Amino acid sequence: MTAQANNPLHGVTLEKLLTELVAHYGWAELGRQIEIRCFNIDPSIPSSLKFLRRTPWARERVESLYLYMRHRREG
């Protein structure tokens, strides 16, 4: 359990993370920040989740942007 205590993503689902990023940045800016097709061409939460679950490098970038956004919001 102590390993998870320091994990800022513990308890945050990929869907929640992605939904918050879209609400904060919008699809257009999200597609500029992380250039992947599922953000730039006919974007949707389900198609993005499917891609991110299969593509570790893209998921890492999305998680990193989420942590950056959270850090900026929290001050």
PDB file of N, CA and C in Angstrom:
ATOM      1  N   MET A   1       0.805  -1.195   0.000  1.00  0.00           N
ATOM      2  CA  MET A   1       0.000   0.000   0.000  1.00  0.00           C
ATOM      3  C   MET A   1       0.852   1.265   0.000  1.00  0.00           C
ATOM      4  N   THR A   2       1.995   1.244   0.631  1.00  0.00           N
ATOM      5  CA  THR A   2       2.808   2.451   0.692  1.00  0.00           C
ATOM      6  C   THR A   2       3.306   2.863  -0.686  1.00  0.00           C
ATOM      7  N   ALA A   3       3.454   1.910  -1.605  1.00  0.00           N
ATOM      8  CA  ALA A   3       3.887   2.269  -2.961  1.00  0.00           C
ATOM      9  C   ALA A   3       2.828   3.134  -3.648  1.00  0.00           C
ATOM     10  N   GLN A   4       1.562   2.879  -3.367  1.00  0.00           N
ATOM     11  CA  GLN A   4       0.486   3.645  -3.982  1.00  0.00           C
ATOM     12  C   GLN A   4       0.263   4.999  -3.302  1.00  0.00           C
ATOM     13  N   ALA A   5       0.713   5.130  -2.070  1.00  0.00           N
ATOM     14  CA  ALA A   5       0.505   6.386  -1.340  1.00  0.00           C
ATOM     15  C   ALA A   5       1.172   7.560  -2.044  1.00  0.00           C
ATOM     16  N   ASN A   6       2.263   7.310  -2.736  1.00  0.00           N
ATOM     17  CA  ASN A   6       2.982   8.375  -3.431  1.00  0.00           C
ATOM     18  C   ASN A   6       2.646   8.462  -4.913  1.00  0.00           C
ATOM     19  N   ASN A   7       1.692   7.686  -5.356  1.00  0.00           N
ATOM     20  CA  ASN A   7       1.303   7.684  -6.757  1.00  0.00           C
ATOM     21  C   ASN A   7       0.142   8.661  -6.956  1.00  0.00           C
ATOM     22  N   PRO A   8       0.393   9.799  -7.614  1.00  0.00           N
ATOM     23  CA  PRO A   8      -0.678  10.784  -7.787  1.00  0.00           C
ATOM     24  C   PRO A   8      -1.810  10.312  -8.702  1.00  0.00           C
ATOM     25  N   LEU A   9      -1.596   9.246  -9.442  1.00  0.00           N
ATOM     26  CA  LEU A   9      -2.635   8.729 -10.332  1.00  0.00           C
ATOM     27  C   LEU A   9      -3.437   7.594  -9.692  1.00  0.00           C
ATOM     28  N   HIS A  10      -3.095   7.230  -8.472  1.00  0.00           N
ATOM     29  CA  HIS A  10      -3.810   6.148  -7.799  1.00  0.00           C
ATOM     30  C   HIS A  10      -5.286   6.518  -7.643  1.00  0.00           C
ATOM     31  N   GLY A  11      -6.151   5.648  -8.119  1.00  0.00           N
ATOM     32  CA  GLY A  11      -7.587   5.872  -8.002  1.00  0.00           C
ATOM     33  C   GLY A  11      -8.192   6.703  -9.119  1.00  0.00           C
ATOM     34  N   VAL A  12      -7.378   7.173 -10.048  1.00  0.00           N
ATOM     35  CA  VAL A  12      -7.875   7.976 -11.168  1.00  0.00           C
ATOM     36  C   VAL A  12      -7.964   7.057 -12.389  1.00  0.00           C
ATOM     37  N   THR A  13      -9.163   6.863 -12.896  1.00  0.00           N
ATOM     38  CA  THR A  13      -9.318   6.008 -14.068  1.00  0.00           C
ATOM     39  C   THR A  13      -8.848   6.750 -15.313  1.00  0.00           C
ATOM     40  N   LEU A  14      -8.505   5.995 -16.324  1.00  0.00           N
ATOM     41  CA  LEU A  14      -8.084   6.601 -17.582  1.00  0.00           C
ATOM     42  C   LEU A  14      -9.218   7.428 -18.185  1.00  0.00           C
ATOM     43  N   GLU A  15     -10.437   6.967 -18.048  1.00  0.00           N
ATOM     44  CA  GLU A  15     -11.584   7.712 -18.572  1.00  0.00           C
ATOM     45  C   GLU A  15     -11.756   9.053 -17.852  1.00  0.00           C
ATOM     46  N   LYS A  16     -11.627   9.061 -16.540  1.00  0.00           N
ATOM     47  CA  LYS A  16     -11.740  10.304 -15.765  1.00  0.00           C
ATOM     48  C   LYS A  16     -10.621  11.268 -16.145  1.00  0.00           C
ATOM     49  N   LEU A  17      -9.427  10.749 -16.251  1.00  0.00           N
ATOM     50  CA  LEU A  17      -8.266  11.543 -16.616  1.00  0.00           C
ATOM     51  C   LEU A  17      -8.479  12.200 -17.986  1.00  0.00           C
ATOM     52  N   LEU A  18      -8.889  11.401 -18.970  1.00  0.00           N
ATOM     53  CA  LEU A  18      -9.097  11.908 -20.317  1.00  0.00           C
ATOM     54  C   LEU A  18     -10.254  12.914 -20.360  1.00  0.00           C
ATOM     55  N   THR A  19     -11.326  12.632 -19.645  1.00  0.00           N
ATOM     56  CA  THR A  19     -12.471  13.539 -19.601  1.00  0.00           C
ATOM     57  C   THR A  19     -12.067  14.898 -19.028  1.00  0.00           C
ATOM     58  N   GLU A  20     -11.274  14.892 -17.979  1.00  0.00           N
ATOM     59  CA  GLU A  20     -10.809  16.154 -17.391  1.00  0.00           C
ATOM     60  C   GLU A  20      -9.892  16.914 -18.343  1.00  0.00           C
ATOM     61  N   LEU A  21      -9.028  16.196 -19.054  1.00  0.00           N
ATOM     62  CA  LEU A  21      -8.149  16.864 -20.018  1.00  0.00           C
ATOM     63  C   LEU A  21      -8.951  17.511 -21.141  1.00  0.00           C
ATOM     64  N   VAL A  22      -9.950  16.807 -21.650  1.00  0.00           N
ATOM     65  CA  VAL A  22     -10.784  17.355 -22.727  1.00  0.00           C
ATOM     66  C   VAL A  22     -11.564  18.565 -22.224  1.00  0.00           C
ATOM     67  N   ALA A  23     -12.072  18.488 -21.008  1.00  0.00           N
ATOM     68  CA  ALA A  23     -12.820  19.618 -20.447  1.00  0.00           C
ATOM     69  C   ALA A  23     -11.906  20.836 -20.268  1.00  0.00           C
ATOM     70  N   HIS A  24     -10.671  20.603 -19.881  1.00  0.00           N
ATOM     71  CA  HIS A  24      -9.740  21.699 -19.624  1.00  0.00           C
ATOM     72  C   HIS A  24      -9.156  22.282 -20.916  1.00  0.00           C
ATOM     73  N   TYR A  25      -8.662  21.412 -21.798  1.00  0.00           N
ATOM     74  CA  TYR A  25      -7.964  21.861 -23.010  1.00  0.00           C
ATOM     75  C   TYR A  25      -8.846  21.904 -24.252  1.00  0.00           C
ATOM     76  N   GLY A  26      -9.819  21.002 -24.339  1.00  0.00           N
ATOM     77  CA  GLY A  26     -10.580  20.819 -25.574  1.00  0.00           C
ATOM     78  C   GLY A  26      -9.805  19.889 -26.497  1.00  0.00           C
ATOM     79  N   TRP A  27     -10.509  19.281 -27.448  1.00  0.00           N
ATOM     80  CA  TRP A  27      -9.865  18.312 -28.337  1.00  0.00           C
ATOM     81  C   TRP A  27      -8.774  18.952 -29.197  1.00  0.00           C
ATOM     82  N   ALA A  28      -9.032  20.157 -29.700  1.00  0.00           N
ATOM     83  CA  ALA A  28      -8.061  20.794 -30.604  1.00  0.00           C
ATOM     84  C   ALA A  28      -6.725  21.020 -29.895  1.00  0.00           C
ATOM     85  N   GLU A  29      -6.765  21.597 -28.699  1.00  0.00           N
ATOM     86  CA  GLU A  29      -5.520  21.856 -27.969  1.00  0.00           C
ATOM     87  C   GLU A  29      -4.873  20.557 -27.499  1.00  0.00           C
ATOM     88  N   LEU A  30      -5.688  19.607 -27.102  1.00  0.00           N
ATOM     89  CA  LEU A  30      -5.155  18.310 -26.688  1.00  0.00           C
ATOM     90  C   LEU A  30      -4.420  17.644 -27.854  1.00  0.00           C
ATOM     91  N   GLY A  31      -4.981  17.766 -29.055  1.00  0.00           N
ATOM     92  CA  GLY A  31      -4.336  17.233 -30.253  1.00  0.00           C
ATOM     93  C   GLY A  31      -3.049  17.952 -30.604  1.00  0.00           C
ATOM     94  N   ARG A  32      -2.960  19.232 -30.259  1.00  0.00           N
ATOM     95  CA  ARG A  32      -1.699  19.962 -30.470  1.00  0.00           C
ATOM     96  C   ARG A  32      -0.658  19.570 -29.425  1.00  0.00           C
ATOM     97  N   GLN A  33      -1.097  19.380 -28.206  1.00  0.00           N
ATOM     98  CA  GLN A  33      -0.177  19.013 -27.129  1.00  0.00           C
ATOM     99  C   GLN A  33       0.395  17.608 -27.333  1.00  0.00           C
ATOM    100  N   ILE A  34      -0.488  16.683 -27.716  1.00  0.00           N
ATOM    101  CA  ILE A  34      -0.088  15.290 -27.934  1.00  0.00           C
ATOM    102  C   ILE A  34      -0.619  14.895 -29.306  1.00  0.00           C
ATOM    103  N   GLU A  35       0.257  14.843 -30.275  1.00  0.00           N
ATOM    104  CA  GLU A  35      -0.165  14.607 -31.662  1.00  0.00           C
ATOM    105  C   GLU A  35      -0.402  13.124 -31.932  1.00  0.00           C
ATOM    106  N   ILE A  36      -1.638  12.716 -31.666  1.00  0.00           N
ATOM    107  CA  ILE A  36      -2.065  11.369 -32.025  1.00  0.00           C
ATOM    108  C   ILE A  36      -3.406  11.480 -32.746  1.00  0.00           C
ATOM    109  N   ARG A  37      -3.618  10.582 -33.681  1.00  0.00           N
ATOM    110  CA  ARG A  37      -4.790  10.674 -34.556  1.00  0.00           C
ATOM    111  C   ARG A  37      -6.113  10.684 -33.815  1.00  0.00           C
ATOM    112  N   CYS A  38      -6.211   9.894 -32.750  1.00  0.00           N
ATOM    113  CA  CYS A  38      -7.504   9.811 -32.050  1.00  0.00           C
ATOM    114  C   CYS A  38      -7.883  11.124 -31.379  1.00  0.00           C
ATOM    115  N   PHE A  39      -6.940  12.064 -31.244  1.00  0.00           N
ATOM    116  CA  PHE A  39      -7.252  13.387 -30.711  1.00  0.00           C
ATOM    117  C   PHE A  39      -7.532  14.391 -31.823  1.00  0.00           C
ATOM    118  N   ASN A  40      -7.037  14.127 -33.016  1.00  0.00           N
ATOM    119  CA  ASN A  40      -7.119  15.096 -34.110  1.00  0.00           C
ATOM    120  C   ASN A  40      -8.140  14.762 -35.185  1.00  0.00           C
ATOM    121  N   ILE A  41      -8.453  13.500 -35.368  1.00  0.00           N
ATOM    122  CA  ILE A  41      -9.369  13.093 -36.432  1.00  0.00           C
ATOM    123  C   ILE A  41     -10.579  12.415 -35.798  1.00  0.00           C
ATOM    124  N   ASP A  42     -11.726  13.067 -35.872  1.00  0.00           N
ATOM    125  CA  ASP A  42     -12.974  12.553 -35.308  1.00  0.00           C
ATOM    126  C   ASP A  42     -12.788  12.068 -33.866  1.00  0.00           C
ATOM    127  N   PRO A  43     -12.355  12.949 -32.965  1.00  0.00           N
ATOM    128  CA  PRO A  43     -12.042  12.526 -31.598  1.00  0.00           C
ATOM    129  C   PRO A  43     -13.274  12.143 -30.785  1.00  0.00           C
ATOM    130  N   SER A  44     -13.098  11.152 -29.945  1.00  0.00           N
ATOM    131  CA  SER A  44     -14.134  10.755 -29.003  1.00  0.00           C
ATOM    132  C   SER A  44     -13.464  10.070 -27.818  1.00  0.00           C
ATOM    133  N   ILE A  45     -14.135  10.077 -26.708  1.00  0.00           N
ATOM    134  CA  ILE A  45     -13.608   9.424 -25.509  1.00  0.00           C
ATOM    135  C   ILE A  45     -13.435   7.911 -25.756  1.00  0.00           C
ATOM    136  N   PRO A  46     -14.454   7.198 -26.273  1.00  0.00           N
ATOM    137  CA  PRO A  46     -14.285   5.748 -26.468  1.00  0.00           C
ATOM    138  C   PRO A  46     -13.120   5.377 -27.396  1.00  0.00           C
ATOM    139  N   SER A  47     -12.975   6.069 -28.525  1.00  0.00           N
ATOM    140  CA  SER A  47     -11.887   5.711 -29.438  1.00  0.00           C
ATOM    141  C   SER A  47     -10.532   6.051 -28.830  1.00  0.00           C
ATOM    142  N   SER A  48     -10.463   7.146 -28.095  1.00  0.00           N
ATOM    143  CA  SER A  48      -9.206   7.528 -27.447  1.00  0.00           C
ATOM    144  C   SER A  48      -8.838   6.533 -26.352  1.00  0.00           C
ATOM    145  N   LEU A  49      -9.826   6.108 -25.575  1.00  0.00           N
ATOM    146  CA  LEU A  49      -9.555   5.128 -24.525  1.00  0.00           C
ATOM    147  C   LEU A  49      -9.039   3.825 -25.113  1.00  0.00           C
ATOM    148  N   LYS A  50      -9.651   3.390 -26.186  1.00  0.00           N
ATOM    149  CA  LYS A  50      -9.231   2.147 -26.842  1.00  0.00           C
ATOM    150  C   LYS A  50      -7.769   2.251 -27.285  1.00  0.00           C
ATOM    151  N   PHE A  51      -7.405   3.367 -27.910  1.00  0.00           N
ATOM    152  CA  PHE A  51      -6.029   3.572 -28.367  1.00  0.00           C
ATOM    153  C   PHE A  51      -5.067   3.667 -27.189  1.00  0.00           C
ATOM    154  N   LEU A  52      -5.413   4.447 -26.186  1.00  0.00           N
ATOM    155  CA  LEU A  52      -4.506   4.661 -25.055  1.00  0.00           C
ATOM    156  C   LEU A  52      -4.275   3.391 -24.246  1.00  0.00           C
ATOM    157  N   ARG A  53      -5.268   2.533 -24.169  1.00  0.00           N
ATOM    158  CA  ARG A  53      -5.104   1.280 -23.431  1.00  0.00           C
ATOM    159  C   ARG A  53      -4.159   0.318 -24.145  1.00  0.00           C
ATOM    160  N   ARG A  54      -4.031   0.461 -25.458  1.00  0.00           N
ATOM    161  CA  ARG A  54      -3.155  -0.420 -26.228  1.00  0.00           C
ATOM    162  C   ARG A  54      -1.786   0.184 -26.510  1.00  0.00           C
ATOM    163  N   THR A  55      -1.598   1.469 -26.209  1.00  0.00           N
ATOM    164  CA  THR A  55      -0.381   2.166 -26.626  1.00  0.00           C
ATOM    165  C   THR A  55       0.284   2.826 -25.413  1.00  0.00           C
ATOM    166  N   PRO A  56       1.226   2.115 -24.785  1.00  0.00           N
ATOM    167  CA  PRO A  56       1.837   2.618 -23.549  1.00  0.00           C
ATOM    168  C   PRO A  56       2.502   3.989 -23.675  1.00  0.00           C
ATOM    169  N   TRP A  57       3.202   4.260 -24.774  1.00  0.00           N
ATOM    170  CA  TRP A  57       3.895   5.555 -24.888  1.00  0.00           C
ATOM    171  C   TRP A  57       2.900   6.709 -24.922  1.00  0.00           C
ATOM    172  N   ALA A  58       1.756   6.510 -25.590  1.00  0.00           N
ATOM    173  CA  ALA A  58       0.747   7.568 -25.674  1.00  0.00           C
ATOM    174  C   ALA A  58       0.071   7.762 -24.314  1.00  0.00           C
ATOM    175  N   ARG A  59      -0.194   6.664 -23.642  1.00  0.00           N
ATOM    176  CA  ARG A  59      -0.809   6.758 -22.309  1.00  0.00           C
ATOM    177  C   ARG A  59       0.112   7.515 -21.348  1.00  0.00           C
ATOM    178  N   GLU A  60       1.399   7.246 -21.418  1.00  0.00           N
ATOM    179  CA  GLU A  60       2.361   7.946 -20.555  1.00  0.00           C
ATOM    180  C   GLU A  60       2.344   9.451 -20.814  1.00  0.00           C
ATOM    181  N   ARG A  61       2.244   9.844 -22.066  1.00  0.00           N
ATOM    182  CA  ARG A  61       2.197  11.269 -22.391  1.00  0.00           C
ATOM    183  C   ARG A  61       0.917  11.915 -21.881  1.00  0.00           C
ATOM    184  N   VAL A  62      -0.198  11.205 -22.001  1.00  0.00           N
ATOM    185  CA  VAL A  62      -1.478  11.725 -21.519  1.00  0.00           C
ATOM    186  C   VAL A  62      -1.449  11.839 -19.993  1.00  0.00           C
ATOM    187  N   GLU A  63      -0.928  10.830 -19.324  1.00  0.00           N
ATOM    188  CA  GLU A  63      -0.828  10.883 -17.865  1.00  0.00           C
ATOM    189  C   GLU A  63       0.072  12.024 -17.423  1.00  0.00           C
ATOM    190  N   SER A  64       1.161  12.233 -18.131  1.00  0.00           N
ATOM    191  CA  SER A  64       2.084  13.320 -17.806  1.00  0.00           C
ATOM    192  C   SER A  64       1.408  14.686 -17.964  1.00  0.00           C
ATOM    193  N   LEU A  65       0.662  14.861 -19.046  1.00  0.00           N
ATOM    194  CA  LEU A  65      -0.052  16.119 -19.259  1.00  0.00           C
ATOM    195  C   LEU A  65      -1.108  16.318 -18.179  1.00  0.00           C
ATOM    196  N   TYR A  66      -1.778  15.254 -17.781  1.00  0.00           N
ATOM    197  CA  TYR A  66      -2.783  15.331 -16.726  1.00  0.00           C
ATOM    198  C   TYR A  66      -2.143  15.790 -15.408  1.00  0.00           C
ATOM    199  N   LEU A  67      -1.004  15.204 -15.069  1.00  0.00           N
ATOM    200  CA  LEU A  67      -0.322  15.595 -13.837  1.00  0.00           C
ATOM    201  C   LEU A  67       0.132  17.048 -13.903  1.00  0.00           C
ATOM    202  N   TYR A  68       0.592  17.483 -15.059  1.00  0.00           N
ATOM    203  CA  TYR A  68       0.987  18.874 -15.243  1.00  0.00           C
ATOM    204  C   TYR A  68      -0.215  19.799 -15.052  1.00  0.00           C
ATOM    205  N   MET A  69      -1.350  19.442 -15.666  1.00  0.00           N
ATOM    206  CA  MET A  69      -2.568  20.248 -15.549  1.00  0.00           C
ATOM    207  C   MET A  69      -3.016  20.326 -14.088  1.00  0.00           C
ATOM    208  N   ARG A  70      -3.008  19.193 -13.411  1.00  0.00           N
ATOM    209  CA  ARG A  70      -3.424  19.167 -11.999  1.00  0.00           C
ATOM    210  C   ARG A  70      -2.501  20.034 -11.143  1.00  0.00           C
ATOM    211  N   HIS A  71      -1.218  19.938 -11.390  1.00  0.00           N
ATOM    212  CA  HIS A  71      -0.243  20.709 -10.623  1.00  0.00           C
ATOM    213  C   HIS A  71      -0.467  22.209 -10.824  1.00  0.00           C
ATOM    214  N   ARG A  72      -0.740  22.612 -12.059  1.00  0.00           N
ATOM    215  CA  ARG A  72      -0.974  24.024 -12.363  1.00  0.00           C
ATOM    216  C   ARG A  72      -2.273  24.527 -11.717  1.00  0.00           C
ATOM    217  N   ARG A  73      -3.309  23.679 -11.712  1.00  0.00           N
ATOM    218  CA  ARG A  73      -4.595  24.063 -11.118  1.00  0.00           C
ATOM    219  C   ARG A  73      -4.511  24.184  -9.606  1.00  0.00           C
ATOM    220  N   GLU A  74      -3.720  23.312  -8.996  1.00  0.00           N
ATOM    221  CA  GLU A  74      -3.625  23.305  -7.540  1.00  0.00           C
ATOM    222  C   GLU A  74      -2.694  24.385  -7.015  1.00  0.00           C
ATOM    223  N   GLY A  75      -1.973  25.009  -7.927  1.00  0.00           N
ATOM    224  CA  GLY A  75      -1.153  26.140  -7.540  1.00  0.00           C
ATOM    225  C   GLY A  75       0.198  25.756  -7.177  1.00  0.00           C
TER     226      GLY A  75
END
